[in-house]
Protein backbone atom coordinates (compact mmCIF):
# COMPACT_ATOMS: atom_id res chain seq x y z
CA MET A 1 90.71 -3.38 -37.20
CA THR A 2 87.43 -1.64 -36.66
CA GLY A 3 86.78 1.89 -37.70
CA ASP A 4 86.57 3.21 -34.14
CA GLU A 5 89.81 1.57 -33.12
CA THR A 6 91.52 2.93 -36.22
CA ARG A 7 90.25 6.43 -35.52
CA THR A 8 91.84 6.35 -32.11
CA ALA A 9 95.18 5.76 -33.79
CA ALA A 10 95.06 8.72 -36.16
CA PRO A 11 96.04 11.46 -33.72
CA ALA A 12 98.48 9.28 -31.83
CA ALA A 13 101.51 10.55 -33.72
CA ALA A 14 100.45 14.17 -33.32
CA ARG A 15 101.26 14.93 -29.75
CA THR A 16 103.48 17.29 -27.87
CA PRO A 17 106.55 15.77 -26.21
CA SER A 18 105.10 15.55 -22.74
CA ALA A 19 101.56 14.77 -23.74
CA SER A 20 102.81 11.22 -23.75
CA VAL A 21 103.64 9.52 -20.54
CA LEU A 22 105.18 6.58 -22.35
CA PRO A 23 108.72 6.27 -23.59
CA GLU A 24 108.36 5.44 -27.27
CA HIS A 25 106.04 7.03 -29.80
CA PRO A 26 104.19 4.73 -32.18
CA GLY A 27 106.09 5.95 -35.25
CA ALA A 28 109.50 4.97 -33.87
CA PRO A 29 110.87 1.53 -34.72
CA ALA A 30 110.37 -0.75 -31.75
CA HIS A 31 111.99 -4.11 -31.25
CA ALA A 32 109.47 -6.92 -31.45
CA TRP A 33 110.75 -8.45 -28.26
CA ARG A 34 110.06 -5.25 -26.35
CA LYS A 35 106.46 -5.21 -27.47
CA ARG A 36 106.04 -8.88 -26.63
CA LEU A 37 107.63 -8.32 -23.24
CA LEU A 38 105.33 -5.36 -22.68
CA VAL A 39 102.30 -7.53 -23.43
CA VAL A 40 103.55 -10.07 -20.87
CA GLY A 41 104.08 -7.26 -18.37
CA ILE A 42 100.60 -5.86 -18.96
CA VAL A 43 99.00 -9.27 -18.48
CA LEU A 44 100.97 -10.06 -15.29
CA ALA A 45 100.26 -6.60 -13.89
CA ALA A 46 96.55 -6.99 -14.62
CA LEU A 47 96.49 -10.36 -12.87
CA ASN A 48 97.62 -8.56 -9.70
CA LEU A 49 95.13 -5.69 -9.70
CA ARG A 50 92.44 -7.43 -7.61
CA PRO A 51 93.70 -10.47 -5.59
CA ALA A 52 94.55 -8.17 -2.67
CA ILE A 53 90.82 -7.43 -2.44
CA THR A 54 89.07 -10.68 -3.34
CA SER A 55 91.39 -12.87 -1.26
CA PHE A 56 90.45 -10.73 1.73
CA GLY A 57 86.74 -10.96 0.86
CA ALA A 58 86.90 -14.76 0.74
CA LEU A 59 88.40 -14.88 4.26
CA LEU A 60 86.56 -11.86 5.69
CA GLU A 61 85.01 -13.80 8.57
CA GLU A 62 88.35 -15.38 9.56
CA VAL A 63 90.18 -12.04 9.37
CA ARG A 64 87.47 -10.37 11.46
CA ASP A 65 87.73 -13.08 14.11
CA GLY A 66 91.53 -13.05 14.06
CA LEU A 67 91.84 -9.28 14.44
CA GLY A 68 88.68 -8.66 16.47
CA MET A 69 86.97 -6.44 13.88
CA SER A 70 83.41 -5.18 14.10
CA GLY A 71 81.15 -5.10 11.05
CA SER A 72 81.70 -1.36 10.70
CA VAL A 73 85.49 -1.73 10.72
CA ALA A 74 85.20 -4.53 8.16
CA GLY A 75 83.14 -2.12 6.07
CA LEU A 76 85.96 0.41 6.36
CA LEU A 77 88.40 -2.21 5.07
CA THR A 78 86.16 -2.93 2.08
CA SER A 79 86.09 0.83 1.37
CA LEU A 80 89.87 1.13 1.61
CA PRO A 81 90.54 0.09 -2.03
CA ALA A 82 88.40 2.92 -3.36
CA LEU A 83 90.07 5.43 -1.02
CA CYS A 84 93.57 4.37 -2.01
CA PHE A 85 92.71 4.30 -5.70
CA ALA A 86 91.39 7.86 -5.48
CA VAL A 87 94.29 9.24 -3.45
CA PHE A 88 97.17 7.51 -5.21
CA GLY A 89 95.68 7.10 -8.69
CA VAL A 90 95.67 10.84 -9.34
CA THR A 91 99.47 10.92 -8.91
CA ALA A 92 100.11 8.33 -11.63
CA PRO A 93 100.44 10.62 -14.70
CA ARG A 94 102.81 12.98 -12.89
CA LEU A 95 104.93 10.09 -11.58
CA ALA A 96 105.02 8.55 -15.05
CA ARG A 97 106.23 11.80 -16.63
CA ARG A 98 108.96 12.15 -14.02
CA PHE A 99 110.21 8.59 -13.65
CA GLY A 100 108.78 6.83 -16.68
CA PRO A 101 105.74 4.54 -16.67
CA GLY A 102 107.87 1.39 -16.57
CA ALA A 103 109.45 2.47 -13.30
CA VAL A 104 106.07 3.42 -11.84
CA VAL A 105 104.40 0.12 -12.74
CA CYS A 106 107.45 -1.86 -11.61
CA ALA A 107 107.42 -0.05 -8.26
CA GLY A 108 103.69 -0.63 -8.07
CA MET A 109 104.10 -4.38 -8.45
CA ALA A 110 106.84 -4.36 -5.79
CA ALA A 111 104.53 -2.44 -3.43
CA ILE A 112 101.76 -4.98 -4.00
CA ALA A 113 104.11 -7.88 -3.26
CA THR A 114 105.43 -6.25 -0.08
CA GLY A 115 102.01 -5.29 1.23
CA LEU A 116 100.49 -8.71 0.59
CA LEU A 117 103.43 -10.50 2.19
CA VAL A 118 103.47 -8.39 5.34
CA ARG A 119 99.84 -7.56 6.11
CA PRO A 120 98.61 -10.97 7.38
CA PHE A 121 101.28 -11.07 10.09
CA VAL A 122 101.11 -7.55 11.56
CA GLY A 123 98.74 -8.53 14.38
CA SER A 124 96.53 -5.42 14.62
CA THR A 125 93.72 -3.86 12.64
CA ALA A 126 95.55 -0.54 12.22
CA ALA A 127 98.68 -2.20 10.85
CA PHE A 128 96.55 -4.42 8.62
CA LEU A 129 95.00 -1.25 7.21
CA LEU A 130 98.40 0.37 6.60
CA THR A 131 99.96 -2.62 4.86
CA SER A 132 96.81 -3.13 2.80
CA GLY A 133 97.13 0.52 1.83
CA LEU A 134 100.67 -0.09 0.57
CA ALA A 135 99.49 -2.87 -1.74
CA LEU A 136 96.52 -0.81 -2.88
CA ALA A 137 98.75 2.18 -3.68
CA GLY A 138 100.67 -0.02 -6.10
CA ILE A 139 97.40 -1.16 -7.64
CA ALA A 140 96.14 2.42 -7.91
CA VAL A 141 98.96 3.78 -10.08
CA SER A 142 98.88 0.70 -12.30
CA ASN A 143 95.09 1.04 -12.69
CA VAL A 144 95.49 4.54 -14.13
CA LEU A 145 98.45 3.76 -16.38
CA MET A 146 97.02 0.66 -18.08
CA PRO A 147 94.69 2.58 -20.51
CA VAL A 148 97.49 5.07 -21.19
CA ILE A 149 99.99 2.31 -22.00
CA VAL A 150 97.52 0.64 -24.35
CA LYS A 151 96.68 3.90 -26.12
CA ARG A 152 100.37 4.77 -26.51
CA TRP A 153 101.89 1.46 -27.60
CA PHE A 154 98.88 -0.12 -29.33
CA PRO A 155 96.87 2.81 -30.74
CA ASP A 156 95.29 0.71 -33.50
CA ARG A 157 94.27 -2.06 -31.08
CA VAL A 158 92.70 -0.18 -28.18
CA GLY A 159 89.66 -2.49 -27.98
CA SER A 160 91.51 -5.79 -28.26
CA MET A 161 94.35 -4.82 -25.91
CA THR A 162 91.92 -3.38 -23.37
CA GLY A 163 90.04 -6.65 -23.62
CA LEU A 164 93.25 -8.62 -23.05
CA TYR A 165 94.26 -6.89 -19.84
CA SER A 166 90.64 -6.67 -18.65
CA MET A 167 90.39 -10.42 -19.16
CA ALA A 168 93.63 -10.96 -17.21
CA LEU A 169 92.34 -8.68 -14.46
CA ALA A 170 89.10 -10.67 -14.25
CA LEU A 171 91.06 -13.94 -14.20
CA GLY A 172 93.21 -12.74 -11.31
CA THR A 173 90.13 -11.53 -9.47
CA ALA A 174 88.29 -14.82 -9.92
CA SER A 175 91.32 -16.98 -9.10
CA ALA A 176 91.85 -15.24 -5.78
CA ALA A 177 88.18 -15.66 -4.89
CA ALA A 178 88.11 -19.33 -5.92
CA VAL A 179 91.31 -20.74 -4.48
CA THR A 180 92.02 -18.65 -1.38
CA VAL A 181 89.78 -20.78 0.88
CA PRO A 182 91.03 -24.16 -0.49
CA VAL A 183 94.64 -22.99 -0.24
CA THR A 184 94.02 -21.83 3.32
CA ASP A 185 92.52 -25.22 4.17
CA ALA A 186 95.53 -26.96 2.58
CA LEU A 187 97.80 -24.84 4.78
CA GLY A 188 96.10 -26.08 7.91
CA GLY A 189 93.38 -23.43 8.08
CA ASP A 190 95.90 -20.62 8.62
CA TRP A 191 94.23 -17.53 7.12
CA GLN A 192 97.47 -15.59 7.38
CA ALA A 193 99.31 -17.98 5.06
CA GLY A 194 96.25 -18.10 2.79
CA LEU A 195 96.46 -14.35 2.26
CA ALA A 196 100.25 -14.15 2.03
CA VAL A 197 100.61 -16.60 -0.88
CA TRP A 198 99.35 -13.95 -3.32
CA ALA A 199 102.55 -11.96 -2.80
CA ALA A 200 104.36 -14.47 -5.05
CA LEU A 201 102.23 -13.57 -8.07
CA ALA A 202 102.98 -9.86 -7.55
CA ALA A 203 106.69 -10.55 -7.21
CA ALA A 204 106.64 -12.38 -10.56
CA ALA A 205 104.98 -9.34 -12.16
CA VAL A 206 107.95 -7.13 -11.28
CA VAL A 207 110.30 -8.97 -13.67
CA PRO A 208 108.97 -8.02 -17.16
CA TRP A 209 108.86 -4.34 -16.20
CA LEU A 210 112.55 -4.15 -15.22
CA PRO A 211 113.80 -3.41 -18.79
CA PHE A 212 111.44 -0.41 -18.91
CA VAL A 213 112.53 1.13 -15.60
CA ARG A 214 115.13 3.48 -17.07
CA GLU A 215 112.84 4.91 -19.74
CA ARG A 216 111.64 8.48 -19.29
CA GLY A 217 108.27 9.77 -20.32
CA ALA A 218 109.04 12.60 -22.72
CA THR A 219 111.50 10.91 -25.02
CA SER A 220 111.56 8.12 -27.47
CA GLY A 221 113.51 4.98 -27.01
CA LYS A 222 116.53 6.66 -28.68
CA GLY A 223 116.37 9.69 -26.44
CA ALA A 224 114.90 12.02 -29.07
CA PRO A 225 111.84 14.08 -28.24
CA GLU A 226 108.58 13.28 -29.95
CA PRO A 227 107.46 15.40 -32.88
CA PRO A 228 105.35 18.48 -32.25
CA GLN A 229 101.59 18.23 -32.32
CA ARG A 230 99.85 19.03 -35.59
CA ASP A 231 96.18 18.80 -34.74
CA GLY A 232 95.90 22.17 -33.09
CA GLN A 233 95.82 20.81 -29.59
CA GLY A 234 98.12 22.44 -27.12
CA GLN A 235 99.47 25.06 -29.52
CA GLY A 236 101.68 27.69 -28.02
CA GLU A 237 103.11 25.42 -25.40
CA SER A 238 106.82 25.05 -25.19
CA ALA A 239 108.54 21.72 -25.51
CA GLY A 240 108.57 19.82 -22.28
CA GLN A 241 105.28 21.28 -21.04
CA ALA A 242 102.28 19.00 -20.80
CA PRO A 243 99.15 20.34 -22.51
CA VAL A 244 96.64 20.46 -19.65
CA LEU A 245 93.01 20.01 -20.62
CA ARG A 246 90.36 21.81 -18.64
CA ILE A 247 88.93 18.39 -18.00
CA THR A 248 86.31 19.58 -15.50
CA ARG A 249 84.61 21.52 -18.32
CA SER A 250 83.79 18.26 -20.10
CA ARG A 251 80.36 16.81 -19.39
CA THR A 252 81.50 13.53 -20.83
CA ALA A 253 84.43 13.41 -18.38
CA TRP A 254 82.07 13.98 -15.46
CA ALA A 255 79.59 11.39 -16.73
CA LEU A 256 82.40 8.87 -17.16
CA ALA A 257 83.76 9.64 -13.67
CA VAL A 258 80.35 9.10 -12.04
CA PHE A 259 79.78 5.94 -14.09
CA PHE A 260 83.20 4.69 -13.05
CA GLY A 261 82.45 5.49 -9.41
CA LEU A 262 79.08 3.72 -9.33
CA GLN A 263 80.36 0.59 -11.07
CA ALA A 264 83.33 0.57 -8.68
CA THR A 265 80.91 0.85 -5.75
CA ALA A 266 79.07 -2.24 -6.95
CA ALA A 267 82.31 -4.11 -7.66
CA TYR A 268 83.86 -3.51 -4.25
CA ILE A 269 80.65 -4.28 -2.42
CA THR A 270 80.52 -7.53 -4.38
CA MET A 271 84.17 -8.42 -3.78
CA GLY A 272 84.03 -7.49 -0.10
CA TRP A 273 80.62 -8.77 0.95
CA MET A 274 79.10 -11.22 -1.54
CA ALA A 275 80.74 -14.32 -0.07
CA GLN A 276 79.45 -13.27 3.36
CA ILE A 277 75.91 -12.82 1.99
CA PHE A 278 75.95 -16.42 0.78
CA ARG A 279 77.51 -17.69 4.01
CA ASP A 280 74.82 -15.97 6.07
CA ALA A 281 72.21 -17.63 3.83
CA GLY A 282 73.57 -21.04 4.85
CA VAL A 283 76.01 -21.68 2.02
CA PRO A 284 79.27 -23.35 3.18
CA ALA A 285 82.38 -21.16 3.17
CA GLY A 286 84.12 -23.03 0.34
CA ARG A 287 81.08 -22.87 -1.90
CA ALA A 288 80.54 -19.20 -1.06
CA GLY A 289 84.09 -18.46 -2.21
CA LEU A 290 83.43 -20.46 -5.37
CA LEU A 291 80.26 -18.45 -6.03
CA LEU A 292 82.25 -15.24 -5.68
CA ALA A 293 84.75 -16.72 -8.13
CA VAL A 294 81.96 -17.44 -10.60
CA THR A 295 80.91 -13.80 -10.40
CA MET A 296 84.47 -12.68 -11.01
CA VAL A 297 85.25 -15.24 -13.73
CA MET A 298 82.35 -14.01 -15.85
CA GLY A 299 84.62 -11.08 -16.57
CA VAL A 300 87.20 -13.30 -18.28
CA PRO A 301 85.35 -13.90 -21.57
CA LEU A 302 83.15 -10.81 -21.34
CA ALA A 303 86.07 -8.49 -20.59
CA PHE A 304 87.51 -9.51 -23.94
CA VAL A 305 84.24 -9.37 -25.88
CA ILE A 306 82.73 -6.17 -24.47
CA PRO A 307 85.63 -3.79 -25.27
CA ARG A 308 85.80 -5.09 -28.84
CA LEU A 309 82.04 -4.69 -29.24
CA ALA A 310 82.12 -1.23 -27.63
CA ALA A 311 84.90 -0.11 -29.99
CA ARG A 312 82.67 -0.97 -32.97
CA LEU A 313 79.74 1.11 -31.73
CA PRO A 314 79.56 4.91 -31.91
CA ARG A 315 77.49 4.87 -28.69
CA GLN A 316 77.94 2.45 -25.82
CA GLY A 317 74.60 3.17 -24.10
CA PRO A 318 72.92 -0.12 -25.12
CA ILE A 319 75.72 -2.11 -23.49
CA VAL A 320 75.41 0.00 -20.32
CA LEU A 321 71.67 -0.74 -20.12
CA ALA A 322 72.09 -4.47 -20.74
CA LEU A 323 74.65 -4.77 -17.93
CA GLY A 324 72.46 -2.74 -15.56
CA VAL A 325 69.39 -4.89 -16.14
CA SER A 326 71.45 -8.01 -15.47
CA GLY A 327 72.53 -6.52 -12.14
CA LEU A 328 68.97 -5.62 -11.13
CA ILE A 329 67.81 -9.20 -11.72
CA GLY A 330 70.79 -10.56 -9.77
CA TYR A 331 70.14 -8.31 -6.75
CA ALA A 332 66.44 -9.26 -6.78
CA GLY A 333 67.48 -12.90 -6.64
CA LEU A 334 69.87 -12.26 -3.73
CA TYR A 335 67.04 -10.56 -1.86
CA PHE A 336 64.33 -13.19 -2.37
CA ALA A 337 66.24 -16.51 -2.67
CA PRO A 338 69.97 -16.09 -1.98
CA ALA A 339 70.74 -19.77 -1.47
CA ALA A 340 68.22 -21.43 -3.77
CA GLY A 341 69.31 -19.56 -6.90
CA ALA A 342 72.85 -18.78 -5.83
CA TRP A 343 74.54 -19.90 -9.05
CA ALA A 344 72.18 -17.86 -11.25
CA TRP A 345 72.63 -14.72 -9.15
CA ALA A 346 76.41 -15.16 -9.20
CA VAL A 347 76.39 -15.32 -13.00
CA LEU A 348 74.07 -12.32 -13.43
CA LEU A 349 76.08 -10.16 -11.05
CA GLY A 350 79.24 -11.22 -12.85
CA VAL A 351 77.76 -9.93 -16.09
CA ALA A 352 76.83 -6.64 -14.37
CA ASN A 353 80.38 -6.25 -13.05
CA CYS A 354 81.65 -6.10 -16.63
CA ALA A 355 80.83 -2.40 -16.53
CA PHE A 356 84.49 -2.05 -15.49
CA PRO A 357 86.11 -3.08 -18.82
CA LEU A 358 83.43 -1.06 -20.58
CA ALA A 359 84.42 2.02 -18.56
CA LEU A 360 88.10 1.47 -19.40
CA THR A 361 87.27 1.17 -23.08
CA MET A 362 85.28 4.40 -23.00
CA VAL A 363 88.26 6.15 -21.40
CA GLY A 364 90.31 5.23 -24.46
CA MET A 365 87.53 6.24 -26.88
CA ARG A 366 86.48 9.54 -25.33
CA ALA A 367 89.89 11.20 -25.90
CA ARG A 368 91.82 11.59 -29.15
CA THR A 369 95.38 11.89 -27.83
CA GLY A 370 97.61 10.02 -25.43
CA GLY A 371 97.78 13.08 -23.20
CA GLY A 372 94.00 13.34 -23.25
CA VAL A 373 93.65 9.68 -22.29
CA ALA A 374 96.13 10.13 -19.42
CA GLN A 375 94.24 13.10 -18.00
CA LEU A 376 90.82 11.53 -18.54
CA SER A 377 91.95 8.23 -17.01
CA ALA A 378 93.34 9.97 -13.92
CA PHE A 379 90.28 12.20 -13.55
CA ALA A 380 87.66 9.51 -14.15
CA GLN A 381 89.34 6.91 -11.95
CA SER A 382 90.33 9.21 -9.08
CA THR A 383 86.98 11.00 -8.99
CA GLY A 384 85.15 7.73 -9.51
CA TYR A 385 86.94 5.97 -6.68
CA LEU A 386 86.22 8.92 -4.38
CA ILE A 387 82.54 8.51 -5.22
CA SER A 388 82.72 4.79 -4.45
CA ILE A 389 84.27 5.11 -0.98
CA PRO A 390 81.05 5.34 1.10
CA GLY A 391 79.34 2.35 -0.55
CA PRO A 392 81.10 -0.66 1.02
CA LEU A 393 81.32 1.14 4.37
CA LEU A 394 77.60 1.93 4.31
CA VAL A 395 76.82 -1.69 3.51
CA GLY A 396 78.81 -2.77 6.58
CA VAL A 397 76.98 -0.29 8.80
CA LEU A 398 73.54 -1.28 7.45
CA TYR A 399 74.38 -4.96 7.85
CA GLN A 400 75.52 -4.52 11.44
CA HIS A 401 72.61 -2.35 12.58
CA SER A 402 69.77 -3.97 10.62
CA GLY A 403 70.88 -7.53 11.38
CA GLY A 404 70.35 -8.71 7.81
CA TRP A 405 71.00 -8.14 4.15
CA GLY A 406 67.67 -6.64 3.03
CA LEU A 407 68.68 -2.98 3.29
CA PRO A 408 72.21 -3.44 1.89
CA ILE A 409 70.88 -5.32 -1.15
CA ALA A 410 68.21 -2.64 -1.70
CA LEU A 411 71.00 -0.02 -1.66
CA MET A 412 73.03 -1.97 -4.22
CA ALA A 413 70.05 -2.29 -6.57
CA GLY A 414 69.12 1.37 -6.15
CA LEU A 415 72.59 2.55 -7.18
CA LEU A 416 72.26 0.79 -10.53
CA MET A 417 69.64 3.28 -11.74
CA PRO A 418 71.91 6.38 -11.76
CA GLN A 419 74.74 4.17 -13.03
CA MET A 420 72.74 3.36 -16.15
CA ILE A 421 71.80 7.02 -16.72
CA VAL A 422 75.33 8.40 -16.53
CA GLY A 423 76.67 5.42 -18.48
CA VAL A 424 74.43 6.29 -21.41
CA LEU A 425 75.68 9.91 -21.23
CA ALA A 426 79.32 8.79 -21.07
CA GLY A 427 78.80 6.51 -24.06
CA ARG A 428 77.93 9.29 -26.49
CA ASP A 429 80.24 9.76 -29.49
CA ARG A 430 82.32 12.80 -28.47
CA THR A 431 85.76 13.64 -27.10
CA VAL A 432 86.87 15.49 -23.98
CA GLU A 433 89.32 17.61 -25.99
CA ASP A 434 86.44 19.18 -27.92
CA GLU A 435 84.32 19.73 -24.82
CA ALA A 436 87.17 21.10 -22.73
CA ALA A 437 88.08 23.60 -25.47
CA SER A 438 84.53 24.85 -26.02
């Protein structure tokens, strides 16, 4: 393992009982089958963290026609993921401490399955919003807990495990974008059935988490509390209390939250609107969905490579800048020749969207302890998703009132500049525990 990944492991055994939100501490003997099952659960959960969004984006025009949506309301729907992730994501650490992370993730997968199954058939925009919100709530808590689970169970493999579930997430994202339109066509052009089929994948993801449902956050697998912390963090706190970092004092936490928010803005604009940009440029619907899939599938190999590379570097700023430049070139292409160079722009924007696995990796690297990762993950993701809410909505409003994609694309490109700046700041070699204590 690399030096950076190994360093993340060193403090893992030195935590207070409730600093962990996971049931077993790394020093306890764990059955091999449980770890293998957990890997399967992580992969299946990650596969379900985006199809609710990209399947909708691929059929946006059909859903708008079927429910009578305006462009502004469609923009609201593309902003809904960020809103739900911000509102529900912040509750994930507390829920995990109370019920155990296995129960929370299992319930999250069940919520995704229920929401995806019901929402196409509700018959009104308001009900479509509510049932989408149910699925997105399940995604939100799982989003926050994935870095925590990796840090807790695989402390010496943060980069590789983050890459694994980021790759699975990208695969699920791309698959939904690529096959939703063909599946809908195979089902007789019924967009409702085309959206509902993704509930089956979420239902399958419930199964591997069932053995972890009864675990509780503050104890080991044998019911014994974890050993007290020895690194000076959280001293003076009684057993059972979570050491609470003053996370808002950390400049790195704020930089990471803003970086997370701006990359999420770009990602949800891409997932919600990119297929429509190509369709308006004269690209057939099936090919437009395939182009969106190409953008998403770029994250499959890169989501595995980038976290491993980032874990080897003391500073992640160069990766941030490389991804940002790729996005600027892609947006310029969309502006000047959306149809002629469609495949190239799809690839470049797919590279730029790999800021997401980079952000997740930095969450694991910018905190020394499991409790620190849990608090940083909740803060960065919840604050970041709040920041990202206006973006997709504003794109819908600009598109409706300007009658074209010039202004929306200019907005997307403009947001990359502050994203690169705060990404460089977030990538500096420091930890939130040190900053919060100073």
